[in-house]
C-alpha atoms as a PDB file:
ATOM      1  CA  MET A   1       2.263   1.492 -22.139  1.00  0.00           C
ATOM      2  CA  THR A   2       1.406   4.093 -19.518  1.00  0.00           C
ATOM      3  CA  ARG A   3      -1.908   5.906 -19.764  1.00  0.00           C
ATOM      4  CA  LEU A   4      -1.023   8.883 -17.549  1.00  0.00           C
ATOM      5  CA  THR A   5       2.246  10.806 -17.698  1.00  0.00           C
ATOM      6  CA  ALA A   6       4.926  10.510 -15.044  1.00  0.00           C
ATOM      7  CA  LEU A   7       6.176  14.072 -14.670  1.00  0.00           C
ATOM      8  CA  ASN A   8       9.865  14.898 -14.720  1.00  0.00           C
ATOM      9  CA  PRO A   9      10.813  16.329 -11.294  1.00  0.00           C
ATOM     10  CA  GLU A  10      13.252  18.714 -13.023  1.00  0.00           C
ATOM     11  CA  GLU A  11      10.469  20.273 -15.097  1.00  0.00           C
ATOM     12  CA  VAL A  12       7.644  20.829 -12.587  1.00  0.00           C
ATOM     13  CA  THR A  13       6.854  24.010 -10.676  1.00  0.00           C
ATOM     14  CA  GLY A  14       4.647  25.236  -7.854  1.00  0.00           C
ATOM     15  CA  LYS A  15       2.938  22.844  -5.448  1.00  0.00           C
ATOM     16  CA  THR A  16       3.991  19.768  -7.445  1.00  0.00           C
ATOM     17  CA  LYS A  17       7.654  20.864  -7.245  1.00  0.00           C
ATOM     18  CA  ASP A  18       7.337  21.372  -3.478  1.00  0.00           C
ATOM     19  CA  LEU A  19       5.814  17.917  -3.029  1.00  0.00           C
ATOM     20  CA  PHE A  20       8.412  16.263  -5.275  1.00  0.00           C
ATOM     21  CA  ASN A  21      11.181  17.988  -3.304  1.00  0.00           C
ATOM     22  CA  ALA A  22       9.743  16.617  -0.042  1.00  0.00           C
ATOM     23  CA  VAL A  23       9.529  13.100  -1.491  1.00  0.00           C
ATOM     24  CA  GLN A  24      13.071  13.364  -2.882  1.00  0.00           C
ATOM     25  CA  ALA A  25      14.386  14.501   0.507  1.00  0.00           C
ATOM     26  CA  LYS A  26      12.693  11.603   2.284  1.00  0.00           C
ATOM     27  CA  LEU A  27      13.229   8.764  -0.209  1.00  0.00           C
ATOM     28  CA  GLY A  28      16.170   9.953  -2.285  1.00  0.00           C
ATOM     29  CA  VAL A  29      14.060   9.486  -5.415  1.00  0.00           C
ATOM     30  CA  VAL A  30      10.579  10.349  -6.680  1.00  0.00           C
ATOM     31  CA  PRO A  31       8.989   6.998  -7.667  1.00  0.00           C
ATOM     32  CA  ASN A  32       6.915   6.815 -10.836  1.00  0.00           C
ATOM     33  CA  MET A  33       3.650   6.518  -8.908  1.00  0.00           C
ATOM     34  CA  MET A  34       4.265   9.848  -7.189  1.00  0.00           C
ATOM     35  CA  ARG A  35       5.575  11.420 -10.381  1.00  0.00           C
ATOM     36  CA  THR A  36       2.293  10.416 -12.019  1.00  0.00           C
ATOM     37  CA  MET A  37       0.168  11.532  -9.063  1.00  0.00           C
ATOM     38  CA  GLY A  38       1.919  14.897  -9.404  1.00  0.00           C
ATOM     39  CA  ASN A  39      -0.385  15.670 -12.328  1.00  0.00           C
ATOM     40  CA  SER A  40      -2.824  16.588  -9.547  1.00  0.00           C
ATOM     41  CA  PRO A  41      -1.006  18.091  -6.564  1.00  0.00           C
ATOM     42  CA  ALA A  42      -4.205  17.535  -4.541  1.00  0.00           C
ATOM     43  CA  VAL A  43      -4.019  13.761  -5.152  1.00  0.00           C
ATOM     44  CA  LEU A  44      -0.308  13.549  -4.349  1.00  0.00           C
ATOM     45  CA  GLU A  45      -0.695  15.694  -1.240  1.00  0.00           C
ATOM     46  CA  GLY A  46      -3.688  13.655  -0.052  1.00  0.00           C
ATOM     47  CA  TYR A  47      -1.767  10.411  -0.542  1.00  0.00           C
ATOM     48  CA  LEU A  48       1.315  11.749   1.264  1.00  0.00           C
ATOM     49  CA  ASN A  49      -0.740  13.161   4.142  1.00  0.00           C
ATOM     50  CA  LEU A  50      -2.686   9.958   4.803  1.00  0.00           C
ATOM     51  CA  SER A  51       0.431   7.835   4.417  1.00  0.00           C
ATOM     52  CA  GLY A  52       2.305  10.126   6.802  1.00  0.00           C
ATOM     53  CA  ALA A  53      -0.487  10.115   9.367  1.00  0.00           C
ATOM     54  CA  LEU A  54      -0.684   6.311   9.345  1.00  0.00           C
ATOM     55  CA  SER A  55       3.064   6.074   9.917  1.00  0.00           C
ATOM     56  CA  HIS A  56       2.404   7.487  13.406  1.00  0.00           C
ATOM     57  CA  GLY A  57      -0.405   5.051  14.227  1.00  0.00           C
ATOM     58  CA  LYS A  58      -0.686   1.907  16.330  1.00  0.00           C
ATOM     59  CA  LEU A  59       0.119  -0.449  13.457  1.00  0.00           C
ATOM     60  CA  SER A  60       3.844  -0.884  12.796  1.00  0.00           C
ATOM     61  CA  ALA A  61       5.562  -0.015   9.531  1.00  0.00           C
ATOM     62  CA  LYS A  62       5.999  -3.749   8.917  1.00  0.00           C
ATOM     63  CA  THR A  63       2.277  -4.401   9.402  1.00  0.00           C
ATOM     64  CA  GLY A  64       1.555  -1.489   7.055  1.00  0.00           C
ATOM     65  CA  GLU A  65       3.713  -3.103   4.368  1.00  0.00           C
ATOM     66  CA  LEU A  66       2.093  -6.501   4.906  1.00  0.00           C
ATOM     67  CA  LEU A  67      -1.324  -4.860   4.602  1.00  0.00           C
ATOM     68  CA  ALA A  68      -0.232  -3.118   1.409  1.00  0.00           C
ATOM     69  CA  LEU A  69       0.789  -6.463  -0.059  1.00  0.00           C
ATOM     70  CA  ALA A  70      -2.461  -8.195   0.928  1.00  0.00           C
ATOM     71  CA  ILE A  71      -4.588  -5.357  -0.434  1.00  0.00           C
ATOM     72  CA  SER A  72      -2.523  -4.891  -3.595  1.00  0.00           C
ATOM     73  CA  GLU A  73      -2.743  -8.598  -4.355  1.00  0.00           C
ATOM     74  CA  SER A  74      -6.529  -8.435  -3.912  1.00  0.00           C
ATOM     75  CA  ASN A  75      -6.669  -5.522  -6.371  1.00  0.00           C
ATOM     76  CA  SER A  76      -4.190  -7.027  -8.878  1.00  0.00           C
ATOM     77  CA  CYS A  77      -1.842  -4.035  -8.646  1.00  0.00           C
ATOM     78  CA  ASP A  78       1.523  -5.189  -9.953  1.00  0.00           C
ATOM     79  CA  TYR A  79       3.110  -1.790  -9.278  1.00  0.00           C
ATOM     80  CA  CYS A  80       2.201  -1.830  -5.589  1.00  0.00           C
ATOM     81  CA  VAL A  81       3.110  -5.494  -5.103  1.00  0.00           C
ATOM     82  CA  ALA A  82       6.565  -4.733  -6.533  1.00  0.00           C
ATOM     83  CA  ALA A  83       6.984  -1.523  -4.523  1.00  0.00           C
ATOM     84  CA  HIS A  84       5.906  -2.993  -1.189  1.00  0.00           C
ATOM     85  CA  THR A  85       7.904  -6.182  -1.694  1.00  0.00           C
ATOM     86  CA  PHE A  86      10.990  -4.021  -2.276  1.00  0.00           C
ATOM     87  CA  ILE A  87      10.257  -1.794   0.741  1.00  0.00           C
ATOM     88  CA  GLY A  88       9.556  -4.809   2.937  1.00  0.00           C
ATOM     89  CA  GLU A  89      12.734  -6.633   1.930  1.00  0.00           C
ATOM     90  CA  LYS A  90      15.239  -3.801   1.555  1.00  0.00           C
ATOM     91  CA  LEU A  91      14.080  -1.142   4.006  1.00  0.00           C
ATOM     92  CA  LEU A  92      12.290  -3.140   6.706  1.00  0.00           C
ATOM     93  CA  LYS A  93      14.465  -6.267   6.360  1.00  0.00           C
ATOM     94  CA  THR A  94      11.403  -8.538   6.347  1.00  0.00           C
ATOM     95  CA  ASP A  95      11.851 -12.178   5.365  1.00  0.00           C
ATOM     96  CA  PRO A  96      10.723 -12.706   1.746  1.00  0.00           C
ATOM     97  CA  GLN A  97       8.471 -15.625   2.781  1.00  0.00           C
ATOM     98  CA  VAL A  98       6.648 -13.368   5.267  1.00  0.00           C
ATOM     99  CA  LEU A  99       6.023 -10.904   2.431  1.00  0.00           C
ATOM    100  CA  GLN A 100       4.898 -13.686   0.116  1.00  0.00           C
ATOM    101  CA  ASP A 101       2.501 -15.045   2.751  1.00  0.00           C
ATOM    102  CA  ALA A 102       1.008 -11.582   3.322  1.00  0.00           C
ATOM    103  CA  ARG A 103      -0.102 -11.425  -0.300  1.00  0.00           C
ATOM    104  CA  THR A 104      -2.601 -14.204   0.458  1.00  0.00           C
ATOM    105  CA  GLY A 105      -3.505 -12.778   3.872  1.00  0.00           C
ATOM    106  CA  ASN A 106      -1.448 -15.287   5.838  1.00  0.00           C
ATOM    107  CA  SER A 107       1.012 -14.801   8.682  1.00  0.00           C
ATOM    108  CA  ALA A 108       2.715 -16.975  11.281  1.00  0.00           C
ATOM    109  CA  ASP A 109       1.546 -14.400  13.834  1.00  0.00           C
ATOM    110  CA  ALA A 110      -2.167 -14.912  14.630  1.00  0.00           C
ATOM    111  CA  LYS A 111      -2.910 -11.231  15.294  1.00  0.00           C
ATOM    112  CA  THR A 112      -1.198 -10.117  12.085  1.00  0.00           C
ATOM    113  CA  GLU A 113      -3.076 -12.773  10.137  1.00  0.00           C
ATOM    114  CA  ALA A 114      -6.379 -11.537  11.605  1.00  0.00           C
ATOM    115  CA  ILE A 115      -5.517  -7.985  10.484  1.00  0.00           C
ATOM    116  CA  LEU A 116      -4.562  -9.150   6.980  1.00  0.00           C
ATOM    117  CA  GLN A 117      -7.657 -11.321   6.650  1.00  0.00           C
ATOM    118  CA  PHE A 118      -9.859  -8.457   7.832  1.00  0.00           C
ATOM    119  CA  ALA A 119      -8.284  -6.162   5.222  1.00  0.00           C
ATOM    120  CA  LYS A 120      -8.908  -8.705   2.481  1.00  0.00           C
ATOM    121  CA  THR A 121     -12.495  -9.078   3.712  1.00  0.00           C
ATOM    122  CA  LEU A 122     -12.945  -5.296   3.576  1.00  0.00           C
ATOM    123  CA  VAL A 123     -11.736  -5.299  -0.033  1.00  0.00           C
ATOM    124  CA  SER A 124     -13.810  -8.293  -1.124  1.00  0.00           C
ATOM    125  CA  LYS A 125     -16.965  -6.937   0.541  1.00  0.00           C
ATOM    126  CA  ASN A 126     -16.418  -3.333  -0.601  1.00  0.00           C
ATOM    127  CA  GLY A 127     -16.295  -2.284   3.051  1.00  0.00           C
ATOM    128  CA  LEU A 128     -19.652  -3.857   3.901  1.00  0.00           C
ATOM    129  CA  VAL A 129     -18.322  -6.119   6.650  1.00  0.00           C
ATOM    130  CA  SER A 130     -20.586  -7.957   9.062  1.00  0.00           C
ATOM    131  CA  ASN A 131     -20.719  -8.041  12.844  1.00  0.00           C
ATOM    132  CA  GLU A 132     -19.073 -11.451  12.609  1.00  0.00           C
ATOM    133  CA  ASP A 133     -16.194 -10.047  10.545  1.00  0.00           C
ATOM    134  CA  VAL A 134     -15.530  -7.297  13.101  1.00  0.00           C
ATOM    135  CA  ASN A 135     -15.948  -9.635  16.068  1.00  0.00           C
ATOM    136  CA  ALA A 136     -13.487 -12.116  14.540  1.00  0.00           C
ATOM    137  CA  VAL A 137     -10.753  -9.503  14.308  1.00  0.00           C
ATOM    138  CA  LYS A 138     -11.533  -8.208  17.822  1.00  0.00           C
ATOM    139  CA  ASN A 139     -11.426 -11.760  19.183  1.00  0.00           C
ATOM    140  CA  ALA A 140      -7.924 -12.099  17.725  1.00  0.00           C
ATOM    141  CA  GLY A 141      -6.771  -9.306  20.026  1.00  0.00           C
ATOM    142  CA  VAL A 142      -6.936  -6.439  17.550  1.00  0.00           C
ATOM    143  CA  SER A 143      -7.887  -3.154  19.241  1.00  0.00           C
ATOM    144  CA  GLU A 144     -10.496  -0.780  17.881  1.00  0.00           C
ATOM    145  CA  ALA A 145      -7.710   1.704  17.054  1.00  0.00           C
ATOM    146  CA  GLU A 146      -5.946  -1.009  15.048  1.00  0.00           C
ATOM    147  CA  ILE A 147      -9.206  -1.881  13.288  1.00  0.00           C
ATOM    148  CA  ALA A 148      -9.712   1.778  12.397  1.00  0.00           C
ATOM    149  CA  GLU A 149      -6.156   1.975  11.058  1.00  0.00           C
ATOM    150  CA  THR A 150      -6.659  -1.216   9.058  1.00  0.00           C
ATOM    151  CA  VAL A 151      -9.653   0.417   7.368  1.00  0.00           C
ATOM    152  CA  ALA A 152      -7.505   3.493   6.660  1.00  0.00           C
ATOM    153  CA  HIS A 153      -4.719   1.323   5.212  1.00  0.00           C
ATOM    154  CA  VAL A 154      -7.282  -0.331   2.957  1.00  0.00           C
ATOM    155  CA  ALA A 155      -8.475   3.095   1.792  1.00  0.00           C
ATOM    156  CA  LEU A 156      -4.914   4.296   1.167  1.00  0.00           C
ATOM    157  CA  ASN A 157      -3.986   1.168  -0.758  1.00  0.00           C
ATOM    158  CA  VAL A 158      -7.201   1.095  -2.771  1.00  0.00           C
ATOM    159  CA  LEU A 159      -6.295   4.656  -3.825  1.00  0.00           C
ATOM    160  CA  THR A 160      -2.797   3.660  -4.947  1.00  0.00           C
ATOM    161  CA  ASN A 161      -3.924   0.354  -6.488  1.00  0.00           C
ATOM    162  CA  TYR A 162      -6.711   1.950  -8.502  1.00  0.00           C
ATOM    163  CA  PHE A 163      -4.489   4.879  -9.439  1.00  0.00           C
ATOM    164  CA  ASN A 164      -1.670   2.652 -10.705  1.00  0.00           C
ATOM    165  CA  ASN A 165      -4.034   0.271 -12.467  1.00  0.00           C
ATOM    166  CA  THR A 166      -5.684   3.258 -14.194  1.00  0.00           C
ATOM    167  CA  ALA A 167      -2.403   4.974 -15.085  1.00  0.00           C
ATOM    168  CA  ASN A 168      -0.675   1.706 -15.959  1.00  0.00           C
ATOM    169  CA  THR A 169       2.262   3.199 -14.084  1.00  0.00           C
ATOM    170  CA  GLU A 170       5.655   1.994 -15.248  1.00  0.00           C
ATOM    171  CA  ILE A 171       7.079  -0.234 -12.498  1.00  0.00           C
ATOM    172  CA  ASP A 172      10.340   1.230 -11.233  1.00  0.00           C
ATOM    173  CA  PHE A 173      10.964  -1.469  -8.620  1.00  0.00           C
ATOM    174  CA  PRO A 174      12.145  -5.051  -9.192  1.00  0.00           C
ATOM    175  CA  ALA A 175       9.294  -7.017 -10.762  1.00  0.00           C
ATOM    176  CA  VAL A 176       7.561  -9.599  -8.592  1.00  0.00           C
ATOM    177  CA  PRO A 177       6.099 -12.717 -10.212  1.00  0.00           C
ATOM    178  CA  SER A 178       2.339 -13.108  -9.954  1.00  0.00           C
ATOM    179  CA  LEU A 179       1.092 -15.728  -7.539  1.00  0.00           C
ATOM    180  CA  GLU A 180      -0.409 -17.619 -10.469  1.00  0.00           C
ATOM    181  CA  LEU A 181       3.045 -18.033 -12.038  1.00  0.00           C
ATOM    182  CA  GLN A 182       4.517 -19.246  -8.771  1.00  0.00           C
ATOM    183  CA  LYS A 183       2.214 -22.271  -8.456  1.00  0.00           C
END
């Protein structure tokens, strides 16, 4: 059962209505996470702004989705794993095995794997990475801009993971089995 209310887009007003309208125009729907974030227009706007800014960065949309999966798996966020699996498969046409591998921080591409592993290290160390951690990702060919964006993706996904885990947001994407069940 949800712990925070997902607002009905037909019933909201003011800033929340404006934000929901923008999401609806872009996605064709207002997902439950955003409907729930709408309880605080500041939270929804902050999420949308950071997400939008990162979409213009050095890291590709595909890498962003792979990062979201790696981070969401680390934070046990079923909502985000389902959402980003759906986005990766249906919108970005990414092979399901690539998405599955990303959840554990793995990739057939060495640079992508270094980015995913660095993100998982950031999460596991609460951001307190070592010189060795940073040097390892640099040595894999990841630029400082890409490292900075990886940190920002971690921050964005920690926000959504913690938000959805707190709200117990109703998953409105196809469910994805946990990795434990797939063994």
